[in-house]
């Protein structure tokens, strides 16, 4: 059985609901769809972060970027 929830809206939320229900969708259906889509985006973002963190970055090339930048900036002075 589905649960009922209550939300307090503000002007920004009311505007968003007006946009989402402009095609005749009910407020309830629009809110359900928005919650599901937000969860899917969050899950995709988490999967992407995990994939990036698991990527093989290869072997270090031996260049110390911080030291190189310090040398380059030292030449500018």
N, C-alpha and C. Protein backbone atom coordinates (compact mmCIF):
# COMPACT_ATOMS: atom_id res chain seq x y z
N UNK A 1 0.83 -1.18 0.00
CA UNK A 1 0.00 0.00 0.00
C UNK A 1 0.88 1.25 0.00
N UNK A 2 0.55 2.19 -0.84
CA UNK A 2 1.32 3.42 -0.93
C UNK A 2 1.06 4.32 0.27
N UNK A 3 2.09 5.00 0.68
CA UNK A 3 1.97 5.94 1.79
C UNK A 3 1.64 7.32 1.26
N UNK A 4 1.00 8.10 2.06
CA UNK A 4 0.72 9.48 1.73
C UNK A 4 1.74 10.35 2.42
N UNK A 5 2.28 11.31 1.68
CA UNK A 5 3.20 12.27 2.29
C UNK A 5 2.65 13.67 2.04
N UNK A 6 3.05 14.58 2.87
CA UNK A 6 2.64 15.96 2.73
C UNK A 6 3.90 16.80 2.60
N UNK A 7 3.87 17.75 1.67
CA UNK A 7 5.01 18.65 1.53
C UNK A 7 4.53 20.09 1.67
N UNK A 8 5.40 20.92 2.16
CA UNK A 8 5.12 22.35 2.21
C UNK A 8 5.75 22.96 0.97
N UNK A 9 5.00 23.70 0.23
CA UNK A 9 5.54 24.32 -0.96
C UNK A 9 5.84 25.79 -0.71
N UNK A 10 6.73 26.30 -1.53
CA UNK A 10 7.01 27.72 -1.54
C UNK A 10 6.82 28.19 -2.97
N UNK A 11 7.13 29.42 -3.25
CA UNK A 11 6.91 29.97 -4.59
C UNK A 11 7.70 29.19 -5.65
N UNK A 12 8.92 28.84 -5.33
CA UNK A 12 9.77 28.11 -6.28
C UNK A 12 9.20 26.72 -6.57
N UNK A 13 8.75 26.04 -5.52
CA UNK A 13 8.16 24.71 -5.68
C UNK A 13 6.86 24.79 -6.45
N UNK A 14 6.04 25.78 -6.17
CA UNK A 14 4.77 25.94 -6.90
C UNK A 14 5.04 26.19 -8.38
N UNK A 15 6.05 27.00 -8.66
CA UNK A 15 6.39 27.24 -10.07
C UNK A 15 6.82 25.94 -10.74
N UNK A 16 7.67 25.18 -10.06
CA UNK A 16 8.13 23.90 -10.62
C UNK A 16 6.95 22.96 -10.85
N UNK A 17 6.03 22.91 -9.91
CA UNK A 17 4.86 22.05 -10.08
C UNK A 17 3.99 22.53 -11.23
N UNK A 18 3.87 23.83 -11.40
CA UNK A 18 3.10 24.36 -12.54
C UNK A 18 3.74 23.95 -13.86
N UNK A 19 5.07 23.98 -13.91
CA UNK A 19 5.78 23.56 -15.12
C UNK A 19 5.54 22.07 -15.37
N UNK A 20 5.68 21.27 -14.31
CA UNK A 20 5.56 19.81 -14.45
C UNK A 20 4.14 19.37 -14.75
N UNK A 21 3.16 20.15 -14.34
CA UNK A 21 1.77 19.74 -14.57
C UNK A 21 1.13 20.49 -15.74
N UNK A 22 1.92 21.24 -16.47
CA UNK A 22 1.41 22.02 -17.60
C UNK A 22 0.78 21.18 -18.69
N UNK A 23 1.17 19.92 -18.78
CA UNK A 23 0.62 19.04 -19.82
C UNK A 23 -0.59 18.26 -19.32
N UNK A 24 -1.08 18.60 -18.13
CA UNK A 24 -2.24 17.92 -17.60
C UNK A 24 -1.93 16.83 -16.58
N UNK A 25 -0.65 16.57 -16.33
CA UNK A 25 -0.28 15.56 -15.34
C UNK A 25 -0.72 16.04 -13.96
N UNK A 26 -1.15 15.14 -13.13
CA UNK A 26 -1.56 15.51 -11.77
C UNK A 26 -0.34 15.90 -10.94
N UNK A 27 -0.57 16.69 -9.92
CA UNK A 27 0.53 17.08 -9.03
C UNK A 27 1.16 15.85 -8.39
N UNK A 28 0.33 14.91 -8.00
CA UNK A 28 0.83 13.69 -7.35
C UNK A 28 1.74 12.91 -8.30
N UNK A 29 1.29 12.74 -9.55
CA UNK A 29 2.09 12.00 -10.54
C UNK A 29 3.38 12.76 -10.85
N UNK A 30 3.29 14.08 -10.94
CA UNK A 30 4.48 14.89 -11.24
C UNK A 30 5.51 14.77 -10.12
N UNK A 31 5.05 14.79 -8.89
CA UNK A 31 5.97 14.67 -7.75
C UNK A 31 6.60 13.28 -7.73
N UNK A 32 5.78 12.24 -7.95
CA UNK A 32 6.34 10.88 -7.99
C UNK A 32 7.42 10.76 -9.06
N UNK A 33 7.09 11.27 -10.26
CA UNK A 33 8.04 11.20 -11.38
C UNK A 33 9.33 11.97 -11.05
N UNK A 34 9.19 13.15 -10.46
CA UNK A 34 10.36 13.96 -10.12
C UNK A 34 11.24 13.28 -9.09
N UNK A 35 10.62 12.64 -8.10
CA UNK A 35 11.40 11.95 -7.07
C UNK A 35 12.16 10.78 -7.68
N UNK A 36 11.49 10.01 -8.53
CA UNK A 36 12.13 8.87 -9.18
C UNK A 36 13.28 9.33 -10.07
N UNK A 37 13.06 10.37 -10.86
CA UNK A 37 14.12 10.87 -11.73
C UNK A 37 15.30 11.42 -10.94
N UNK A 38 15.04 12.09 -9.83
CA UNK A 38 16.13 12.60 -9.00
C UNK A 38 16.95 11.46 -8.43
N UNK A 39 16.28 10.39 -7.99
CA UNK A 39 17.00 9.23 -7.46
C UNK A 39 17.83 8.57 -8.55
N UNK A 40 17.27 8.45 -9.75
CA UNK A 40 18.03 7.85 -10.86
C UNK A 40 19.26 8.67 -11.20
N UNK A 41 19.13 10.01 -11.21
CA UNK A 41 20.30 10.86 -11.48
C UNK A 41 21.36 10.69 -10.41
N UNK A 42 20.94 10.62 -9.14
CA UNK A 42 21.89 10.46 -8.05
C UNK A 42 22.61 9.12 -8.16
N UNK A 43 21.86 8.05 -8.49
CA UNK A 43 22.49 6.73 -8.65
C UNK A 43 23.47 6.72 -9.82
N UNK A 44 23.10 7.36 -10.94
CA UNK A 44 24.02 7.43 -12.09
C UNK A 44 25.28 8.20 -11.73
N UNK A 45 25.13 9.30 -11.01
CA UNK A 45 26.29 10.09 -10.61
C UNK A 45 27.21 9.28 -9.69
N UNK A 46 26.63 8.52 -8.78
CA UNK A 46 27.44 7.68 -7.89
C UNK A 46 28.16 6.60 -8.68
N UNK A 47 27.48 6.00 -9.65
CA UNK A 47 28.12 4.99 -10.50
C UNK A 47 29.27 5.60 -11.28
N UNK A 48 29.07 6.79 -11.81
CA UNK A 48 30.12 7.47 -12.56
C UNK A 48 31.32 7.76 -11.67
N UNK A 49 31.07 8.26 -10.46
CA UNK A 49 32.18 8.53 -9.52
C UNK A 49 32.96 7.25 -9.23
N UNK A 50 32.22 6.15 -8.98
CA UNK A 50 32.91 4.88 -8.71
C UNK A 50 33.73 4.44 -9.93
N UNK A 51 33.18 4.61 -11.12
CA UNK A 51 33.90 4.21 -12.34
C UNK A 51 35.16 5.04 -12.52
N UNK A 52 35.06 6.34 -12.28
CA UNK A 52 36.23 7.21 -12.42
C UNK A 52 37.29 6.84 -11.40
N UNK A 53 36.87 6.59 -10.17
CA UNK A 53 37.84 6.23 -9.13
C UNK A 53 38.49 4.87 -9.40
N UNK A 54 37.81 4.00 -10.12
CA UNK A 54 38.36 2.68 -10.41
C UNK A 54 39.22 2.68 -11.68
N UNK A 55 39.26 3.80 -12.41
CA UNK A 55 40.02 3.86 -13.66
C UNK A 55 41.52 3.71 -13.39
N UNK A 56 42.17 2.99 -14.28
CA UNK A 56 43.62 2.86 -14.22
C UNK A 56 44.22 4.14 -14.76
N UNK A 57 45.00 4.81 -13.96
CA UNK A 57 45.59 6.07 -14.41
C UNK A 57 46.97 5.86 -15.01
N UNK A 58 47.39 4.63 -15.10
CA UNK A 58 48.67 4.35 -15.72
C UNK A 58 49.84 4.61 -14.81
N UNK A 59 50.99 4.55 -15.38
CA UNK A 59 52.23 4.76 -14.63
C UNK A 59 52.54 6.25 -14.56
N UNK A 60 53.11 6.70 -13.45
CA UNK A 60 53.51 8.11 -13.36
C UNK A 60 54.57 8.41 -14.43
N UNK A 61 54.51 9.61 -14.97
CA UNK A 61 55.46 9.97 -16.02
C UNK A 61 56.71 10.63 -15.49
N UNK A 62 56.78 10.78 -14.19
CA UNK A 62 57.98 11.35 -13.59
C UNK A 62 58.00 12.86 -13.56
N UNK A 63 56.95 13.50 -14.00
CA UNK A 63 56.92 14.96 -14.00
C UNK A 63 56.24 15.43 -12.72
N UNK A 64 56.93 16.26 -11.97
CA UNK A 64 56.36 16.85 -10.77
C UNK A 64 55.75 18.19 -11.20
N UNK A 65 54.44 18.18 -11.44
CA UNK A 65 53.76 19.35 -11.97
C UNK A 65 53.90 20.54 -11.02
N UNK A 66 53.76 20.31 -9.72
CA UNK A 66 53.86 21.41 -8.76
C UNK A 66 55.23 22.05 -8.83
N UNK A 67 56.28 21.25 -8.90
CA UNK A 67 57.64 21.80 -8.98
C UNK A 67 57.83 22.56 -10.29
N UNK A 68 57.30 22.02 -11.38
CA UNK A 68 57.42 22.69 -12.68
C UNK A 68 56.71 24.04 -12.66
N UNK A 69 55.50 24.09 -12.07
CA UNK A 69 54.78 25.37 -11.98
C UNK A 69 55.54 26.36 -11.12
N UNK A 70 56.12 25.90 -10.03
CA UNK A 70 56.90 26.79 -9.16
C UNK A 70 58.09 27.35 -9.92
N UNK A 71 58.77 26.52 -10.71
CA UNK A 71 59.90 27.01 -11.50
C UNK A 71 59.45 28.02 -12.52
N UNK A 72 58.33 27.71 -13.21
CA UNK A 72 57.82 28.63 -14.23
C UNK A 72 57.42 29.98 -13.64
N UNK A 73 56.79 29.95 -12.49
CA UNK A 73 56.37 31.18 -11.84
C UNK A 73 57.56 31.94 -11.29
N UNK A 74 58.59 31.22 -10.90
CA UNK A 74 59.80 31.88 -10.42
C UNK A 74 60.47 32.67 -11.52
N UNK A 75 60.38 32.17 -12.75
CA UNK A 75 60.98 32.87 -13.90
C UNK A 75 60.23 34.15 -14.21
N UNK A 76 58.94 34.24 -13.82
CA UNK A 76 58.12 35.41 -14.13
C UNK A 76 58.47 36.60 -13.23
N UNK A 77 59.07 36.34 -12.11
CA UNK A 77 59.34 37.41 -11.13
C UNK A 77 60.54 38.20 -11.47
